[in-house]
Amino acid sequence: MTGTLPVPEPVVDPELLPFWEGTARGELMLRRCYACGTVAWPPRTFCPDCSALDPEWFAATGTGEIYSYTIVRKAQGAWRDVVPYVIAYVRLAEGPVVLTNIVDCDPARVHIGLPVHVVFARSANGYALYRFAPDSE
């Protein structure tokens, strides 16, 4: 395991306020189309499949598995002191694939298909960044 990853302040767009309010509560919020059921990432004001407007917000399970990843071994700025660290795509149980960091494990243990769950790194303004950690074995 490496050092603690930096937690930059998120830019909170009013359109995505329910997402950021969810992170502050420790919930990963997604949007689901009320017309066709599509769950899309990133959150948007319309369904990418059927174009219905204003999909509903809901709390995701926060579980998934690693779809793809890379181990960063050389970085700059605040990230320089925490290498190696993992950047990964995680396929959520609800279907979308999100870009994230994998934390709380040795990067050498990470592999495609590894079951993970969401964890939150709180920023100074009270919102949080979502990251994922391996499930207990």
N, C-alpha and C. Protein backbone atom coordinates (compact mmCIF):
# COMPACT_ATOMS: atom_id res chain seq x y z
N MET A 1 0.85 -1.17 0.00
CA MET A 1 0.00 0.00 0.00
C MET A 1 0.90 1.23 0.00
N THR A 2 0.43 2.29 -0.62
CA THR A 2 1.19 3.51 -0.72
C THR A 2 0.58 4.58 0.17
N GLY A 3 1.08 5.81 0.04
CA GLY A 3 0.56 6.92 0.81
C GLY A 3 -0.87 7.27 0.41
N THR A 4 -1.43 8.20 1.16
CA THR A 4 -2.79 8.64 0.89
C THR A 4 -2.84 9.50 -0.37
N LEU A 5 -3.76 9.19 -1.26
CA LEU A 5 -3.88 9.95 -2.50
C LEU A 5 -4.40 11.36 -2.21
N PRO A 6 -3.95 12.35 -2.98
CA PRO A 6 -4.48 13.70 -2.81
C PRO A 6 -5.98 13.74 -3.05
N VAL A 7 -6.65 14.70 -2.43
CA VAL A 7 -8.09 14.88 -2.59
C VAL A 7 -8.34 16.32 -3.05
N PRO A 8 -8.23 16.56 -4.37
CA PRO A 8 -8.49 17.91 -4.86
C PRO A 8 -9.96 18.29 -4.66
N GLU A 9 -10.20 19.59 -4.50
CA GLU A 9 -11.58 20.07 -4.35
C GLU A 9 -12.34 19.85 -5.64
N PRO A 10 -13.50 19.19 -5.59
CA PRO A 10 -14.29 19.02 -6.80
C PRO A 10 -14.95 20.34 -7.21
N VAL A 11 -15.15 20.50 -8.50
CA VAL A 11 -15.92 21.62 -9.02
C VAL A 11 -17.38 21.17 -9.03
N VAL A 12 -18.21 21.81 -8.24
CA VAL A 12 -19.60 21.38 -8.07
C VAL A 12 -20.49 22.20 -8.98
N ASP A 13 -20.88 21.59 -10.10
CA ASP A 13 -21.80 22.19 -11.05
C ASP A 13 -23.21 22.04 -10.48
N PRO A 14 -24.04 23.09 -10.50
CA PRO A 14 -25.40 22.98 -9.94
C PRO A 14 -26.21 21.83 -10.53
N GLU A 15 -25.98 21.52 -11.80
CA GLU A 15 -26.69 20.42 -12.45
C GLU A 15 -26.37 19.07 -11.80
N LEU A 16 -25.17 18.96 -11.22
CA LEU A 16 -24.74 17.70 -10.61
C LEU A 16 -24.76 17.76 -9.09
N LEU A 17 -25.41 18.75 -8.52
CA LEU A 17 -25.45 18.89 -7.07
C LEU A 17 -25.95 17.63 -6.37
N PRO A 18 -26.99 16.93 -6.87
CA PRO A 18 -27.41 15.69 -6.19
C PRO A 18 -26.29 14.64 -6.13
N PHE A 19 -25.43 14.59 -7.14
CA PHE A 19 -24.29 13.67 -7.11
C PHE A 19 -23.36 14.03 -5.96
N TRP A 20 -22.98 15.32 -5.88
CA TRP A 20 -22.04 15.76 -4.85
C TRP A 20 -22.64 15.70 -3.46
N GLU A 21 -23.92 15.99 -3.33
CA GLU A 21 -24.58 15.83 -2.03
C GLU A 21 -24.56 14.36 -1.61
N GLY A 22 -24.70 13.47 -2.57
CA GLY A 22 -24.59 12.03 -2.28
C GLY A 22 -23.21 11.66 -1.78
N THR A 23 -22.17 12.19 -2.40
CA THR A 23 -20.81 11.86 -1.93
C THR A 23 -20.62 12.34 -0.50
N ALA A 24 -21.19 13.49 -0.17
CA ALA A 24 -21.08 14.01 1.19
C ALA A 24 -21.76 13.07 2.20
N ARG A 25 -22.80 12.36 1.76
CA ARG A 25 -23.52 11.38 2.61
C ARG A 25 -22.88 9.99 2.55
N GLY A 26 -21.90 9.80 1.67
CA GLY A 26 -21.31 8.48 1.51
C GLY A 26 -22.08 7.60 0.56
N GLU A 27 -22.79 8.22 -0.41
CA GLU A 27 -23.55 7.46 -1.41
C GLU A 27 -23.06 7.82 -2.81
N LEU A 28 -22.95 6.82 -3.67
CA LEU A 28 -22.63 7.03 -5.07
C LEU A 28 -23.95 7.16 -5.82
N MET A 29 -24.24 8.36 -6.30
CA MET A 29 -25.51 8.64 -6.97
C MET A 29 -25.35 8.51 -8.49
N LEU A 30 -26.28 7.82 -9.11
CA LEU A 30 -26.32 7.64 -10.56
C LEU A 30 -27.66 8.16 -11.07
N ARG A 31 -27.75 8.27 -12.39
CA ARG A 31 -29.02 8.66 -13.00
C ARG A 31 -29.55 7.51 -13.86
N ARG A 32 -30.85 7.24 -13.73
CA ARG A 32 -31.51 6.18 -14.49
C ARG A 32 -32.67 6.79 -15.26
N CYS A 33 -32.79 6.40 -16.52
CA CYS A 33 -33.87 6.90 -17.37
C CYS A 33 -35.19 6.29 -16.92
N TYR A 34 -36.16 7.13 -16.68
CA TYR A 34 -37.50 6.66 -16.27
C TYR A 34 -38.23 6.02 -17.45
N ALA A 35 -37.80 6.33 -18.70
CA ALA A 35 -38.51 5.81 -19.88
C ALA A 35 -37.98 4.44 -20.32
N CYS A 36 -36.65 4.29 -20.37
CA CYS A 36 -36.10 3.02 -20.89
C CYS A 36 -35.24 2.27 -19.88
N GLY A 37 -34.95 2.87 -18.73
CA GLY A 37 -34.19 2.18 -17.69
C GLY A 37 -32.68 2.27 -17.80
N THR A 38 -32.16 2.94 -18.82
CA THR A 38 -30.71 3.06 -18.99
C THR A 38 -30.08 3.80 -17.82
N VAL A 39 -29.00 3.22 -17.30
CA VAL A 39 -28.19 3.89 -16.28
C VAL A 39 -26.93 4.33 -17.00
N ALA A 40 -26.69 5.64 -16.99
CA ALA A 40 -25.57 6.17 -17.78
C ALA A 40 -24.56 6.87 -16.89
N TRP A 41 -23.32 6.83 -17.32
CA TRP A 41 -22.24 7.59 -16.70
C TRP A 41 -21.49 8.29 -17.81
N PRO A 42 -21.13 9.55 -17.68
CA PRO A 42 -21.37 10.39 -16.51
C PRO A 42 -22.82 10.85 -16.43
N PRO A 43 -23.23 11.34 -15.25
CA PRO A 43 -24.61 11.82 -15.11
C PRO A 43 -24.89 12.95 -16.09
N ARG A 44 -26.08 12.95 -16.67
CA ARG A 44 -26.46 14.01 -17.61
C ARG A 44 -27.95 14.26 -17.52
N THR A 45 -28.39 15.31 -18.17
CA THR A 45 -29.80 15.72 -18.05
C THR A 45 -30.71 15.02 -19.04
N PHE A 46 -30.16 14.14 -19.86
CA PHE A 46 -30.97 13.39 -20.82
C PHE A 46 -30.44 11.98 -20.93
N CYS A 47 -31.27 11.07 -21.40
CA CYS A 47 -30.87 9.68 -21.60
C CYS A 47 -30.08 9.57 -22.89
N PRO A 48 -28.88 8.98 -22.87
CA PRO A 48 -28.11 8.83 -24.10
C PRO A 48 -28.69 7.80 -25.06
N ASP A 49 -29.61 6.94 -24.58
CA ASP A 49 -30.21 5.93 -25.45
C ASP A 49 -31.51 6.38 -26.11
N CYS A 50 -32.40 7.00 -25.31
CA CYS A 50 -33.72 7.36 -25.88
C CYS A 50 -33.99 8.85 -25.88
N SER A 51 -33.07 9.64 -25.33
CA SER A 51 -33.16 11.11 -25.28
C SER A 51 -34.24 11.65 -24.35
N ALA A 52 -34.82 10.81 -23.50
CA ALA A 52 -35.78 11.32 -22.51
C ALA A 52 -35.06 12.30 -21.60
N LEU A 53 -35.77 13.33 -21.18
CA LEU A 53 -35.16 14.37 -20.35
C LEU A 53 -35.28 14.06 -18.86
N ASP A 54 -34.32 14.57 -18.11
CA ASP A 54 -34.31 14.54 -16.65
C ASP A 54 -34.42 13.14 -16.05
N PRO A 55 -33.44 12.26 -16.31
CA PRO A 55 -33.44 10.95 -15.66
C PRO A 55 -33.42 11.10 -14.13
N GLU A 56 -33.92 10.08 -13.43
CA GLU A 56 -34.02 10.16 -11.97
C GLU A 56 -32.68 9.81 -11.32
N TRP A 57 -32.40 10.43 -10.18
CA TRP A 57 -31.23 10.11 -9.37
C TRP A 57 -31.56 8.93 -8.46
N PHE A 58 -30.59 8.04 -8.24
CA PHE A 58 -30.77 6.96 -7.27
C PHE A 58 -29.41 6.59 -6.69
N ALA A 59 -29.43 6.02 -5.51
CA ALA A 59 -28.19 5.59 -4.85
C ALA A 59 -27.78 4.22 -5.41
N ALA A 60 -26.59 4.16 -5.95
CA ALA A 60 -26.05 2.91 -6.49
C ALA A 60 -25.65 1.99 -5.34
N THR A 61 -25.46 0.73 -5.66
CA THR A 61 -25.00 -0.22 -4.64
C THR A 61 -23.58 0.08 -4.21
N GLY A 62 -22.81 0.69 -5.11
CA GLY A 62 -21.41 0.99 -4.79
C GLY A 62 -20.49 -0.20 -4.97
N THR A 63 -20.97 -1.22 -5.69
CA THR A 63 -20.15 -2.40 -5.92
C THR A 63 -19.87 -2.57 -7.41
N GLY A 64 -18.83 -3.30 -7.71
CA GLY A 64 -18.48 -3.56 -9.10
C GLY A 64 -17.25 -4.42 -9.18
N GLU A 65 -16.64 -4.41 -10.36
CA GLU A 65 -15.39 -5.16 -10.55
C GLU A 65 -14.49 -4.38 -11.50
N ILE A 66 -13.20 -4.61 -11.35
CA ILE A 66 -12.24 -3.91 -12.19
C ILE A 66 -12.35 -4.42 -13.62
N TYR A 67 -12.54 -3.48 -14.52
CA TYR A 67 -12.69 -3.76 -15.95
C TYR A 67 -11.33 -3.63 -16.65
N SER A 68 -10.55 -2.62 -16.26
CA SER A 68 -9.22 -2.38 -16.81
C SER A 68 -8.47 -1.49 -15.82
N TYR A 69 -7.15 -1.51 -15.86
CA TYR A 69 -6.40 -0.68 -14.92
C TYR A 69 -4.97 -0.46 -15.42
N THR A 70 -4.30 0.50 -14.78
CA THR A 70 -2.88 0.71 -14.98
C THR A 70 -2.29 1.13 -13.65
N ILE A 71 -1.03 0.81 -13.45
CA ILE A 71 -0.32 1.21 -12.25
C ILE A 71 0.59 2.38 -12.62
N VAL A 72 0.40 3.50 -11.95
CA VAL A 72 1.22 4.69 -12.18
C VAL A 72 2.44 4.60 -11.28
N ARG A 73 3.61 4.68 -11.89
CA ARG A 73 4.85 4.55 -11.12
C ARG A 73 5.68 5.83 -11.09
N LYS A 74 5.27 6.80 -11.91
CA LYS A 74 6.00 8.08 -11.95
C LYS A 74 4.96 9.18 -12.14
N ALA A 75 4.99 10.19 -11.25
CA ALA A 75 3.98 11.25 -11.30
C ALA A 75 4.62 12.58 -10.92
N GLN A 76 3.83 13.63 -11.03
CA GLN A 76 4.29 14.98 -10.69
C GLN A 76 3.41 15.58 -9.62
N GLY A 77 3.87 16.69 -9.06
CA GLY A 77 3.07 17.43 -8.09
C GLY A 77 2.73 16.60 -6.87
N ALA A 78 1.53 16.80 -6.35
CA ALA A 78 1.09 16.11 -5.14
C ALA A 78 1.04 14.60 -5.32
N TRP A 79 0.95 14.14 -6.54
CA TRP A 79 0.86 12.71 -6.81
C TRP A 79 2.23 12.02 -6.80
N ARG A 80 3.29 12.80 -6.89
CA ARG A 80 4.66 12.25 -6.95
C ARG A 80 4.97 11.42 -5.70
N ASP A 81 4.49 11.84 -4.55
CA ASP A 81 4.84 11.19 -3.29
C ASP A 81 4.01 9.96 -2.96
N VAL A 82 3.04 9.61 -3.80
CA VAL A 82 2.17 8.47 -3.49
C VAL A 82 2.28 7.33 -4.51
N VAL A 83 3.25 7.41 -5.41
CA VAL A 83 3.42 6.32 -6.37
C VAL A 83 3.99 5.10 -5.65
N PRO A 84 3.68 3.90 -6.10
CA PRO A 84 2.76 3.59 -7.18
C PRO A 84 1.30 3.66 -6.71
N TYR A 85 0.41 4.02 -7.64
CA TYR A 85 -1.02 4.01 -7.37
C TYR A 85 -1.74 3.50 -8.61
N VAL A 86 -2.99 3.12 -8.42
CA VAL A 86 -3.75 2.47 -9.49
C VAL A 86 -4.86 3.39 -10.00
N ILE A 87 -4.92 3.53 -11.31
CA ILE A 87 -6.04 4.16 -11.99
C ILE A 87 -6.77 3.02 -12.69
N ALA A 88 -8.10 2.98 -12.54
CA ALA A 88 -8.84 1.85 -13.09
C ALA A 88 -10.19 2.28 -13.63
N TYR A 89 -10.68 1.46 -14.53
CA TYR A 89 -12.08 1.51 -14.93
C TYR A 89 -12.78 0.41 -14.14
N VAL A 90 -13.86 0.78 -13.46
CA VAL A 90 -14.66 -0.18 -12.69
C VAL A 90 -16.03 -0.26 -13.33
N ARG A 91 -16.46 -1.49 -13.63
CA ARG A 91 -17.82 -1.71 -14.11
C ARG A 91 -18.71 -1.87 -12.88
N LEU A 92 -19.62 -0.92 -12.72
CA LEU A 92 -20.53 -0.94 -11.59
C LEU A 92 -21.57 -2.05 -11.74
N ALA A 93 -22.11 -2.52 -10.64
CA ALA A 93 -23.17 -3.54 -10.68
C ALA A 93 -24.35 -3.07 -11.51
N GLU A 94 -24.58 -1.74 -11.56
CA GLU A 94 -25.69 -1.18 -12.32
C GLU A 94 -25.39 -1.06 -13.82
N GLY A 95 -24.15 -1.36 -14.24
CA GLY A 95 -23.81 -1.36 -15.65
C GLY A 95 -22.78 -0.37 -16.13
N PRO A 96 -22.83 0.90 -15.74
CA PRO A 96 -21.85 1.86 -16.26
C PRO A 96 -20.42 1.54 -15.82
N VAL A 97 -19.48 2.04 -16.58
CA VAL A 97 -18.06 1.91 -16.27
C VAL A 97 -17.56 3.30 -15.87
N VAL A 98 -16.90 3.38 -14.69
CA VAL A 98 -16.41 4.66 -14.18
C VAL A 98 -14.89 4.63 -14.05
N LEU A 99 -14.27 5.77 -14.27
CA LEU A 99 -12.84 5.95 -14.08
C LEU A 99 -12.60 6.33 -12.63
N THR A 100 -11.62 5.70 -11.98
CA THR A 100 -11.43 5.89 -10.55
C THR A 100 -10.02 5.49 -10.15
N ASN A 101 -9.76 5.56 -8.86
CA ASN A 101 -8.54 5.01 -8.28
C ASN A 101 -8.91 3.80 -7.45
N ILE A 102 -7.98 2.84 -7.37
CA ILE A 102 -8.14 1.70 -6.48
C ILE A 102 -7.24 1.98 -5.29
N VAL A 103 -7.81 1.89 -4.09
CA VAL A 103 -7.07 2.22 -2.87
C VAL A 103 -7.13 1.07 -1.88
N ASP A 104 -6.37 1.22 -0.81
CA ASP A 104 -6.38 0.26 0.30
C ASP A 104 -5.93 -1.14 -0.09
N CYS A 105 -4.99 -1.19 -1.05
CA CYS A 105 -4.42 -2.50 -1.38
C CYS A 105 -3.09 -2.31 -2.08
N ASP A 106 -2.30 -3.36 -2.09
CA ASP A 106 -1.04 -3.37 -2.81
C ASP A 106 -1.36 -3.35 -4.31
N PRO A 107 -0.81 -2.40 -5.08
CA PRO A 107 -1.09 -2.36 -6.52
C PRO A 107 -0.81 -3.68 -7.24
N ALA A 108 0.14 -4.47 -6.74
CA ALA A 108 0.47 -5.76 -7.37
C ALA A 108 -0.68 -6.76 -7.22
N ARG A 109 -1.60 -6.52 -6.29
CA ARG A 109 -2.74 -7.43 -6.07
C ARG A 109 -3.92 -7.14 -7.00
N VAL A 110 -3.90 -5.98 -7.64
CA VAL A 110 -5.01 -5.58 -8.51
C VAL A 110 -5.03 -6.43 -9.77
N HIS A 111 -6.21 -6.84 -10.20
CA HIS A 111 -6.35 -7.61 -11.44
C HIS A 111 -7.74 -7.39 -12.02
N ILE A 112 -7.86 -7.63 -13.31
CA ILE A 112 -9.15 -7.51 -13.97
C ILE A 112 -10.11 -8.54 -13.36
N GLY A 113 -11.33 -8.08 -13.07
CA GLY A 113 -12.33 -8.94 -12.45
C GLY A 113 -12.34 -8.86 -10.93
N LEU A 114 -11.40 -8.14 -10.32
CA LEU A 114 -11.35 -8.03 -8.87
C LEU A 114 -12.60 -7.32 -8.35
N PRO A 115 -13.35 -7.94 -7.43
CA PRO A 115 -14.54 -7.29 -6.87
C PRO A 115 -14.12 -6.11 -5.98
N VAL A 116 -14.81 -4.99 -6.16
CA VAL A 116 -14.49 -3.78 -5.41
C VAL A 116 -15.76 -3.11 -4.90
N HIS A 117 -15.57 -2.20 -3.95
CA HIS A 117 -16.69 -1.41 -3.42
C HIS A 117 -16.23 0.04 -3.27
N VAL A 118 -17.19 0.94 -3.30
CA VAL A 118 -16.89 2.36 -3.25
C VAL A 118 -16.47 2.79 -1.84
N VAL A 119 -15.49 3.67 -1.80
CA VAL A 119 -15.09 4.36 -0.57
C VAL A 119 -14.99 5.84 -0.93
N PHE A 120 -15.07 6.70 0.05
CA PHE A 120 -15.07 8.13 -0.23
C PHE A 120 -13.92 8.82 0.48
N ALA A 121 -13.26 9.72 -0.24
CA ALA A 121 -12.20 10.55 0.31
C ALA A 121 -12.75 11.97 0.40
N ARG A 122 -12.98 12.42 1.63
CA ARG A 122 -13.62 13.72 1.87
C ARG A 122 -12.67 14.86 1.57
N SER A 123 -13.20 15.88 0.89
CA SER A 123 -12.44 17.09 0.62
C SER A 123 -12.73 18.11 1.72
N ALA A 124 -12.00 19.21 1.72
CA ALA A 124 -12.16 20.23 2.76
C ALA A 124 -13.55 20.86 2.75
N ASN A 125 -14.22 20.89 1.57
CA ASN A 125 -15.53 21.55 1.50
C ASN A 125 -16.69 20.62 1.88
N GLY A 126 -16.39 19.39 2.29
CA GLY A 126 -17.44 18.48 2.74
C GLY A 126 -17.90 17.48 1.70
N TYR A 127 -17.64 17.77 0.42
CA TYR A 127 -17.96 16.78 -0.61
C TYR A 127 -16.86 15.72 -0.59
N ALA A 128 -17.00 14.70 -1.40
CA ALA A 128 -16.00 13.64 -1.39
C ALA A 128 -15.77 13.11 -2.80
N LEU A 129 -14.60 12.57 -3.02
CA LEU A 129 -14.29 11.90 -4.28
C LEU A 129 -14.52 10.41 -4.08
N TYR A 130 -15.13 9.76 -5.06
CA TYR A 130 -15.33 8.32 -4.95
C TYR A 130 -14.07 7.61 -5.43
N ARG A 131 -13.73 6.57 -4.73
CA ARG A 131 -12.65 5.67 -5.11
C ARG A 131 -13.14 4.28 -4.78
N PHE A 132 -12.39 3.26 -5.17
CA PHE A 132 -12.83 1.89 -4.90
C PHE A 132 -11.73 1.11 -4.21
N ALA A 133 -12.13 0.20 -3.34
CA ALA A 133 -11.22 -0.68 -2.61
C ALA A 133 -11.65 -2.12 -2.85
N PRO A 134 -10.71 -3.04 -2.83
CA PRO A 134 -11.07 -4.46 -3.01
C PRO A 134 -11.99 -4.95 -1.89
N ASP A 135 -12.90 -5.85 -2.23
CA ASP A 135 -13.74 -6.49 -1.23
C ASP A 135 -12.86 -7.39 -0.38
N SER A 136 -13.29 -7.67 0.83
CA SER A 136 -12.56 -8.58 1.72
C SER A 136 -12.61 -9.98 1.13
N GLU A 137 -11.54 -10.67 1.34
CA GLU A 137 -11.48 -12.05 0.82
C GLU A 137 -11.76 -13.05 1.90
